[in-house]
Amino acid sequence: MIVRSSKQPLWVPSEARRRAANLTRFIDLVNRKHGLRVRSIESCGSGRGRDCRVLAVVWDFAGVVASRGYDQVVDDLTRFPGARWF
């Protein structure tokens, strides 16, 4: 059986649901903390080397508990593999 993909989504949330979604709250937090204008989760990771500030916000938003804090998210974005995270 051949399944053809469609450009039409199976479901689209109402505006009220979209505003109340955790993902929307996360994107809003990223924008507030860093003065960004991110509109989707896809754009959070776009650009050269990705925006590591978003990773730091994940810790705050998700309530990550770690044995210690961090001074920087990544030491050298040009070293892949080999970069040291958190």
C-alpha atoms as a PDB file:
ATOM      1  CA  MET A   1       0.000   0.000   0.000  1.00  0.00           C
ATOM      2  CA  ILE A   2       1.341   3.424  -0.943  1.00  0.00           C
ATOM      3  CA  VAL A   3       0.626   6.277   1.444  1.00  0.00           C
ATOM      4  CA  ARG A   4       0.839   9.726  -0.014  1.00  0.00           C
ATOM      5  CA  SER A   5       1.642  12.631   2.242  1.00  0.00           C
ATOM      6  CA  SER A   6      -0.585  15.657   2.271  1.00  0.00           C
ATOM      7  CA  LYS A   7       0.307  19.262   2.958  1.00  0.00           C
ATOM      8  CA  GLN A   8      -2.868  19.552   5.020  1.00  0.00           C
ATOM      9  CA  PRO A   9      -2.433  18.986   8.766  1.00  0.00           C
ATOM     10  CA  LEU A  10      -4.667  16.380  10.362  1.00  0.00           C
ATOM     11  CA  TRP A  11      -5.556  18.798  13.144  1.00  0.00           C
ATOM     12  CA  VAL A  12      -5.005  22.459  13.937  1.00  0.00           C
ATOM     13  CA  PRO A  13      -5.412  23.667  17.523  1.00  0.00           C
ATOM     14  CA  SER A  14      -7.655  26.576  18.352  1.00  0.00           C
ATOM     15  CA  GLU A  15      -5.981  29.883  19.173  1.00  0.00           C
ATOM     16  CA  ALA A  16      -6.894  29.421  22.841  1.00  0.00           C
ATOM     17  CA  ARG A  17      -5.218  25.989  22.921  1.00  0.00           C
ATOM     18  CA  ARG A  18      -2.148  27.303  21.154  1.00  0.00           C
ATOM     19  CA  ARG A  19      -1.781  30.165  23.646  1.00  0.00           C
ATOM     20  CA  ALA A  20      -2.171  27.771  26.616  1.00  0.00           C
ATOM     21  CA  ALA A  21       0.308  25.162  25.294  1.00  0.00           C
ATOM     22  CA  ASN A  22       3.546  24.521  27.210  1.00  0.00           C
ATOM     23  CA  LEU A  23       5.508  24.936  23.991  1.00  0.00           C
ATOM     24  CA  THR A  24       4.047  28.412  23.487  1.00  0.00           C
ATOM     25  CA  ARG A  25       4.905  29.329  27.088  1.00  0.00           C
ATOM     26  CA  PHE A  26       8.466  28.094  26.503  1.00  0.00           C
ATOM     27  CA  ILE A  27       8.886  30.152  23.323  1.00  0.00           C
ATOM     28  CA  ASP A  28       7.499  33.206  25.126  1.00  0.00           C
ATOM     29  CA  LEU A  29      10.036  32.686  27.931  1.00  0.00           C
ATOM     30  CA  VAL A  30      12.910  32.437  25.423  1.00  0.00           C
ATOM     31  CA  ASN A  31      11.764  35.678  23.815  1.00  0.00           C
ATOM     32  CA  ARG A  32      11.381  37.539  27.127  1.00  0.00           C
ATOM     33  CA  LYS A  33      14.708  36.374  28.598  1.00  0.00           C
ATOM     34  CA  HIS A  34      16.784  37.116  25.522  1.00  0.00           C
ATOM     35  CA  GLY A  35      14.889  39.832  23.653  1.00  0.00           C
ATOM     36  CA  LEU A  36      14.311  37.504  20.716  1.00  0.00           C
ATOM     37  CA  ARG A  37      11.392  37.198  18.330  1.00  0.00           C
ATOM     38  CA  VAL A  38      11.233  33.417  18.003  1.00  0.00           C
ATOM     39  CA  ARG A  39       7.911  32.325  16.533  1.00  0.00           C
ATOM     40  CA  SER A  40       8.324  28.544  16.433  1.00  0.00           C
ATOM     41  CA  ILE A  41      10.382  25.842  18.078  1.00  0.00           C
ATOM     42  CA  GLU A  42      12.076  25.150  14.736  1.00  0.00           C
ATOM     43  CA  SER A  43      13.511  28.649  14.666  1.00  0.00           C
ATOM     44  CA  CYS A  44      14.983  28.183  18.171  1.00  0.00           C
ATOM     45  CA  GLY A  45      17.623  25.880  16.742  1.00  0.00           C
ATOM     46  CA  SER A  46      18.235  27.576  13.435  1.00  0.00           C
ATOM     47  CA  GLY A  47      21.187  29.675  12.475  1.00  0.00           C
ATOM     48  CA  ARG A  48      24.921  29.195  12.690  1.00  0.00           C
ATOM     49  CA  GLY A  49      25.795  26.873  15.545  1.00  0.00           C
ATOM     50  CA  ARG A  50      22.300  27.147  16.999  1.00  0.00           C
ATOM     51  CA  ASP A  51      21.376  29.589  19.712  1.00  0.00           C
ATOM     52  CA  CYS A  52      22.696  28.074  22.936  1.00  0.00           C
ATOM     53  CA  ARG A  53      20.758  30.573  25.015  1.00  0.00           C
ATOM     54  CA  VAL A  54      17.695  28.448  24.261  1.00  0.00           C
ATOM     55  CA  LEU A  55      19.333  25.443  25.915  1.00  0.00           C
ATOM     56  CA  ALA A  56      19.895  27.448  29.077  1.00  0.00           C
ATOM     57  CA  VAL A  57      16.213  28.415  29.166  1.00  0.00           C
ATOM     58  CA  VAL A  58      15.272  24.710  28.975  1.00  0.00           C
ATOM     59  CA  TRP A  59      16.899  24.240  32.407  1.00  0.00           C
ATOM     60  CA  ASP A  60      14.783  27.025  33.903  1.00  0.00           C
ATOM     61  CA  PHE A  61      11.542  26.102  32.168  1.00  0.00           C
ATOM     62  CA  ALA A  62      11.747  22.375  32.911  1.00  0.00           C
ATOM     63  CA  GLY A  63      13.049  22.821  36.447  1.00  0.00           C
ATOM     64  CA  VAL A  64      16.176  20.761  35.810  1.00  0.00           C
ATOM     65  CA  VAL A  65      17.880  19.843  39.059  1.00  0.00           C
ATOM     66  CA  ALA A  66      21.619  19.332  38.699  1.00  0.00           C
ATOM     67  CA  SER A  67      24.439  18.631  41.102  1.00  0.00           C
ATOM     68  CA  ARG A  68      25.852  22.041  40.203  1.00  0.00           C
ATOM     69  CA  GLY A  69      25.020  25.039  38.057  1.00  0.00           C
ATOM     70  CA  TYR A  70      26.797  26.041  34.892  1.00  0.00           C
ATOM     71  CA  ASP A  71      28.838  29.022  33.777  1.00  0.00           C
ATOM     72  CA  GLN A  72      28.308  28.546  30.055  1.00  0.00           C
ATOM     73  CA  VAL A  73      26.252  26.279  27.830  1.00  0.00           C
ATOM     74  CA  VAL A  74      29.051  25.203  25.478  1.00  0.00           C
ATOM     75  CA  ASP A  75      32.766  25.962  25.432  1.00  0.00           C
ATOM     76  CA  ASP A  76      33.419  26.019  21.680  1.00  0.00           C
ATOM     77  CA  LEU A  77      30.710  25.720  19.025  1.00  0.00           C
ATOM     78  CA  THR A  78      33.310  25.144  16.306  1.00  0.00           C
ATOM     79  CA  ARG A  79      34.443  21.828  17.833  1.00  0.00           C
ATOM     80  CA  PHE A  80      32.125  19.030  16.741  1.00  0.00           C
ATOM     81  CA  PRO A  81      32.661  16.480  18.028  1.00  0.00           C
ATOM     82  CA  GLY A  82      34.542  17.580  21.101  1.00  0.00           C
ATOM     83  CA  ALA A  83      32.600  20.581  22.408  1.00  0.00           C
ATOM     84  CA  ARG A  84      31.995  20.516  26.157  1.00  0.00           C
ATOM     85  CA  TRP A  85      28.398  21.189  27.186  1.00  0.00           C
ATOM     86  CA  PHE A  86      27.348  22.773  30.472  1.00  0.00           C
END
